Amino acid sequence: MHLAWLALCLLLAPAVSGGGELLQVFVSEPYLELRTGPGRGYPVTQVVGRGESVDVLKRRTDWLKVRTGRGIEGWASQLDMVKTHLADGTPFQLELGDLAGFTRHRWELGVFAGDFGGATLISAYGSFSLNEFLKVDLSLSQFLGDASNGRTLDLGFNHVFLPERRWSPFVTLGTGLIDIDPKGTLLRPQERHDQTAYVGTGLRFYLSRRFFARAEYKWHVVFTSRDDNEEIQEWKAGFGFFF
């Protein structure tokens, strides 16, 4: 718990106070390169071998300043640092605000606008990553049409292909609920509350930092109390961020 708190402080603050306890990690790869400054343009002057430890001093964008057991300080890239581990053997968790973070993150939030069976749609969603390929999506939408207004709530799985690429196609499958409020003139039609199922496909595109664009298509089947079920097509696009 104490190490987790230190790791959180490292993520939220640009520097670790020199008077506090420093986070110590151990090299898992054959070696860890240390440069004289926070960038690829700085030369590599030190190499830390597998099994040796370094103390994390501070973070600057995509680089972390560390100190070896011999007291030598240098800068290591965050892509190399996420391959290290803590004293108890657990991997060092470091959220990446770059393409690598787009591939490996835990949460997503986003907003959309689009079309839902001819009605104007606005939507928000949240997503939890089970691994790099599989996510659980929860979305809440509001649609406004000429004949009816309504809301949808969808829950499903999202399988991402090529998660390491800037362009990442995906397919989705799930179920949901729909509330439809028909517009009437003389008599107010009865509101409907039905269950739905859907399949879909889409594309994610990494933009910068923690932001990306996402577009998707869903084909919904509405299970009505009548003899025939309804089919509704949904198109939408928007922006999201990961953390």
Protein backbone atom coordinates (compact mmCIF):
# COMPACT_ATOMS: atom_id res chain seq x y z
CA MET A 1 0.00 0.00 0.00
CA HIS A 2 2.86 2.34 0.83
CA LEU A 3 4.53 1.70 -2.54
CA ALA A 4 1.24 2.26 -4.37
CA TRP A 5 0.88 5.64 -2.63
CA LEU A 6 4.38 6.62 -3.67
CA ALA A 7 3.67 5.60 -7.25
CA LEU A 8 0.51 7.73 -7.26
CA CYS A 9 2.46 10.72 -5.97
CA LEU A 10 4.96 10.20 -8.76
CA LEU A 11 2.23 10.35 -11.39
CA LEU A 12 0.55 13.45 -10.01
CA ALA A 13 3.62 15.51 -9.15
CA PRO A 14 6.41 16.61 -11.53
CA ALA A 15 9.04 15.86 -8.92
CA VAL A 16 9.57 13.75 -5.84
CA SER A 17 10.58 15.65 -2.78
CA GLY A 18 14.14 15.06 -1.81
CA GLY A 19 13.15 14.85 1.86
CA GLY A 20 10.73 11.94 1.37
CA GLU A 21 11.18 8.26 0.72
CA LEU A 22 11.94 7.53 -2.93
CA LEU A 23 10.31 4.85 -5.04
CA GLN A 24 12.75 2.02 -5.77
CA VAL A 25 12.39 -0.24 -8.81
CA PHE A 26 14.46 -3.12 -10.15
CA VAL A 27 15.64 -3.75 -13.72
CA SER A 28 13.89 -6.72 -15.37
CA GLU A 29 15.43 -6.46 -18.84
CA PRO A 30 19.10 -7.28 -19.54
CA TYR A 31 19.93 -3.60 -18.99
CA LEU A 32 18.46 -0.12 -18.49
CA GLU A 33 20.02 2.78 -20.41
CA LEU A 34 20.60 6.09 -18.64
CA ARG A 35 21.12 9.31 -20.60
CA THR A 36 22.51 12.66 -19.54
CA GLY A 37 19.20 14.41 -20.22
CA PRO A 38 15.48 13.79 -20.83
CA GLY A 39 15.56 13.04 -24.55
CA ARG A 40 16.84 10.71 -27.27
CA GLY A 41 19.32 13.36 -28.34
CA TYR A 42 21.30 13.01 -25.11
CA PRO A 43 24.04 10.37 -25.03
CA VAL A 44 23.84 7.14 -23.06
CA THR A 45 26.51 7.31 -20.37
CA GLN A 46 25.42 4.60 -17.92
CA VAL A 47 23.87 1.13 -18.11
CA VAL A 48 22.14 -0.55 -15.17
CA GLY A 49 22.19 -4.35 -15.28
CA ARG A 50 19.37 -6.79 -14.66
CA GLY A 51 18.47 -7.18 -10.99
CA GLU A 52 20.00 -3.85 -9.95
CA SER A 53 17.83 -1.15 -8.41
CA VAL A 54 17.32 2.53 -9.15
CA ASP A 55 15.53 5.23 -7.14
CA VAL A 56 13.04 7.42 -9.03
CA LEU A 57 13.76 11.11 -8.42
CA LYS A 58 11.34 12.94 -10.72
CA ARG A 59 9.50 12.81 -14.02
CA ARG A 60 9.66 15.14 -17.01
CA THR A 61 7.20 14.38 -19.82
CA ASP A 62 8.25 10.95 -21.16
CA TRP A 63 11.43 10.64 -19.08
CA LEU A 64 12.24 9.80 -15.47
CA LYS A 65 15.35 10.86 -13.58
CA VAL A 66 16.76 8.02 -11.48
CA ARG A 67 19.69 7.34 -9.18
CA THR A 68 21.58 4.04 -9.16
CA GLY A 69 22.81 2.21 -6.09
CA ARG A 70 26.25 3.70 -6.75
CA GLY A 71 24.84 7.22 -6.56
CA ILE A 72 24.98 7.90 -10.31
CA GLU A 73 22.04 9.89 -11.71
CA GLY A 74 20.63 9.73 -15.23
CA TRP A 75 17.46 9.81 -17.32
CA ALA A 76 15.53 6.70 -18.44
CA SER A 77 12.64 6.64 -20.90
CA GLN A 78 9.22 5.76 -19.53
CA LEU A 79 8.94 2.96 -22.10
CA ASP A 80 11.97 1.32 -20.48
CA MET A 81 10.82 2.09 -16.95
CA VAL A 82 7.48 0.29 -17.36
CA LYS A 83 9.54 -2.88 -17.90
CA THR A 84 10.98 -2.67 -14.37
CA HIS A 85 9.40 -4.15 -11.24
CA LEU A 86 8.93 -3.31 -7.57
CA ALA A 87 10.62 -5.08 -4.66
CA ASP A 88 7.73 -7.55 -4.33
CA GLY A 89 8.02 -8.52 -8.01
CA THR A 90 4.96 -6.68 -9.30
CA PRO A 91 5.45 -4.63 -12.48
CA PHE A 92 6.01 -0.90 -12.10
CA GLN A 93 2.77 0.77 -13.20
CA LEU A 94 3.19 4.05 -15.06
CA GLU A 95 0.44 5.58 -17.16
CA LEU A 96 1.72 6.59 -20.58
CA GLY A 97 0.27 9.66 -22.30
CA ASP A 98 1.51 8.57 -25.74
CA LEU A 99 0.94 5.90 -28.39
CA ALA A 100 2.19 3.23 -25.98
CA GLY A 101 -0.38 4.43 -23.45
CA PHE A 102 -3.04 4.28 -26.17
CA THR A 103 -2.16 0.60 -26.51
CA ARG A 104 -1.97 -0.15 -22.78
CA HIS A 105 -4.35 1.71 -20.50
CA ARG A 106 -7.15 0.88 -18.08
CA TRP A 107 -9.96 3.40 -18.64
CA GLU A 108 -11.53 5.44 -21.47
CA LEU A 109 -14.16 8.18 -21.48
CA GLY A 110 -15.64 9.84 -24.54
CA VAL A 111 -18.52 11.69 -26.22
CA PHE A 112 -20.20 11.15 -29.60
CA ALA A 113 -22.65 12.73 -32.01
CA GLY A 114 -24.39 10.92 -34.84
CA ASP A 115 -27.54 9.34 -36.24
CA PHE A 116 -29.87 6.79 -34.63
CA GLY A 117 -32.43 5.50 -37.11
CA GLY A 118 -32.80 8.95 -38.65
CA ALA A 119 -32.85 10.78 -35.31
CA THR A 120 -30.11 13.06 -34.00
CA LEU A 121 -27.95 11.27 -31.44
CA ILE A 122 -25.68 12.46 -28.64
CA SER A 123 -23.86 9.90 -26.54
CA ALA A 124 -21.28 9.40 -23.81
CA TYR A 125 -19.40 6.23 -22.96
CA GLY A 126 -16.93 4.69 -20.54
CA SER A 127 -14.69 1.71 -21.19
CA PHE A 128 -12.64 -0.62 -18.98
CA SER A 129 -9.75 -2.57 -20.54
CA LEU A 130 -9.46 -6.23 -19.53
CA ASN A 131 -6.29 -6.46 -21.65
CA GLU A 132 -4.85 -4.81 -24.77
CA PHE A 133 -7.45 -6.48 -27.00
CA LEU A 134 -10.65 -6.79 -24.97
CA LYS A 135 -12.68 -4.00 -23.35
CA VAL A 136 -16.04 -3.61 -21.64
CA ASP A 137 -18.03 -0.62 -22.93
CA LEU A 138 -20.93 1.16 -21.23
CA SER A 139 -22.71 3.92 -23.18
CA LEU A 140 -25.67 6.20 -22.52
CA SER A 141 -27.34 7.97 -25.45
CA GLN A 142 -30.14 10.46 -26.11
CA PHE A 143 -31.85 10.66 -29.51
CA LEU A 144 -34.21 13.34 -30.82
CA GLY A 145 -36.35 12.59 -33.87
CA ASP A 146 -39.39 13.85 -35.76
CA ALA A 147 -41.60 10.95 -34.62
CA SER A 148 -40.10 10.16 -31.22
CA ASN A 149 -37.42 10.91 -28.67
CA GLY A 150 -35.70 8.44 -26.42
CA ARG A 151 -32.70 7.08 -24.58
CA THR A 152 -30.53 3.99 -24.86
CA LEU A 153 -28.23 2.22 -22.42
CA ASP A 154 -25.76 -0.27 -23.93
CA LEU A 155 -23.34 -2.70 -22.28
CA GLY A 156 -21.05 -4.94 -24.28
CA PHE A 157 -17.64 -6.25 -25.22
CA ASN A 158 -15.23 -4.51 -27.58
CA HIS A 159 -12.44 -6.46 -29.33
CA VAL A 160 -9.64 -4.27 -30.70
CA PHE A 161 -7.49 -5.42 -33.61
CA LEU A 162 -3.90 -4.13 -33.94
CA PRO A 163 -3.99 -2.21 -30.61
CA GLU A 164 -0.38 -1.10 -31.06
CA ARG A 165 -1.20 0.85 -34.25
CA ARG A 166 -2.32 4.46 -34.51
CA TRP A 167 -5.33 3.18 -36.48
CA SER A 168 -7.11 0.46 -34.47
CA PRO A 169 -10.23 -1.23 -35.91
CA PHE A 170 -12.59 -3.02 -33.55
CA VAL A 171 -15.79 -5.07 -33.40
CA THR A 172 -18.38 -4.87 -30.64
CA LEU A 173 -21.20 -7.06 -29.33
CA GLY A 174 -23.64 -6.44 -26.51
CA THR A 175 -27.10 -5.82 -25.14
CA GLY A 176 -29.03 -2.86 -23.79
CA LEU A 177 -32.26 -1.07 -23.00
CA ILE A 178 -34.20 1.51 -24.99
CA ASP A 179 -36.87 3.98 -23.85
CA ILE A 180 -38.97 5.47 -26.67
CA ASP A 181 -41.27 8.43 -26.14
CA PRO A 182 -43.43 8.79 -29.30
CA LYS A 183 -44.67 12.21 -30.28
CA GLY A 184 -48.46 12.44 -30.59
CA THR A 185 -50.97 15.07 -31.62
CA LEU A 186 -54.46 14.37 -30.20
CA LEU A 187 -53.70 11.36 -28.01
CA ARG A 188 -50.36 10.80 -26.35
CA PRO A 189 -48.99 7.40 -27.45
CA GLN A 190 -47.72 5.04 -24.79
CA GLU A 191 -44.04 5.11 -23.93
CA ARG A 192 -42.05 1.97 -24.73
CA HIS A 193 -39.34 0.23 -22.72
CA ASP A 194 -37.66 -2.62 -24.61
CA GLN A 195 -34.54 -4.74 -24.48
CA THR A 196 -32.04 -4.63 -27.33
CA ALA A 197 -29.05 -6.50 -28.71
CA TYR A 198 -26.42 -5.13 -31.04
CA VAL A 199 -23.35 -5.87 -33.12
CA GLY A 200 -21.06 -3.28 -34.60
CA THR A 201 -17.69 -2.24 -35.87
CA GLY A 202 -15.57 0.88 -35.71
CA LEU A 203 -12.21 2.55 -35.82
CA ARG A 204 -10.06 4.38 -33.26
CA PHE A 205 -7.35 6.87 -34.23
CA TYR A 206 -4.72 8.14 -31.80
CA LEU A 207 -4.36 11.95 -31.92
CA SER A 208 -1.95 13.23 -29.26
CA ARG A 209 -1.20 12.91 -25.55
CA ARG A 210 -4.18 11.02 -24.11
CA PHE A 211 -6.71 11.92 -26.81
CA PHE A 212 -8.08 9.90 -29.71
CA ALA A 213 -10.93 9.95 -32.23
CA ARG A 214 -13.44 7.12 -32.48
CA ALA A 215 -16.11 6.31 -35.06
CA GLU A 216 -18.45 3.34 -35.03
CA TYR A 217 -21.50 1.70 -36.55
CA LYS A 218 -24.02 -0.42 -34.61
CA TRP A 219 -26.89 -2.56 -35.82
CA HIS A 220 -29.55 -2.84 -33.10
CA VAL A 221 -32.39 -5.34 -32.78
CA VAL A 222 -35.22 -4.12 -30.53
CA PHE A 223 -37.19 -6.97 -28.93
CA THR A 224 -40.74 -5.65 -28.90
CA SER A 225 -43.96 -7.16 -27.53
CA ARG A 226 -45.34 -7.25 -31.07
CA ASP A 227 -44.87 -10.07 -33.60
CA ASP A 228 -41.99 -8.34 -35.40
CA ASN A 229 -38.80 -7.02 -33.85
CA GLU A 230 -37.40 -3.69 -34.98
CA GLU A 231 -34.00 -3.02 -36.50
CA ILE A 232 -32.22 0.31 -36.01
CA GLN A 233 -28.91 1.46 -37.47
CA GLU A 234 -26.65 3.78 -35.49
CA TRP A 235 -23.75 5.85 -36.81
CA LYS A 236 -21.65 8.08 -34.59
CA ALA A 237 -18.23 9.69 -34.22
CA GLY A 238 -16.51 11.60 -31.47
CA PHE A 239 -13.51 12.01 -29.21
CA GLY A 240 -12.22 10.23 -26.14
CA PHE A 241 -9.32 10.19 -23.73
CA PHE A 242 -7.61 7.38 -21.82
CA PHE A 243 -6.08 7.13 -18.38
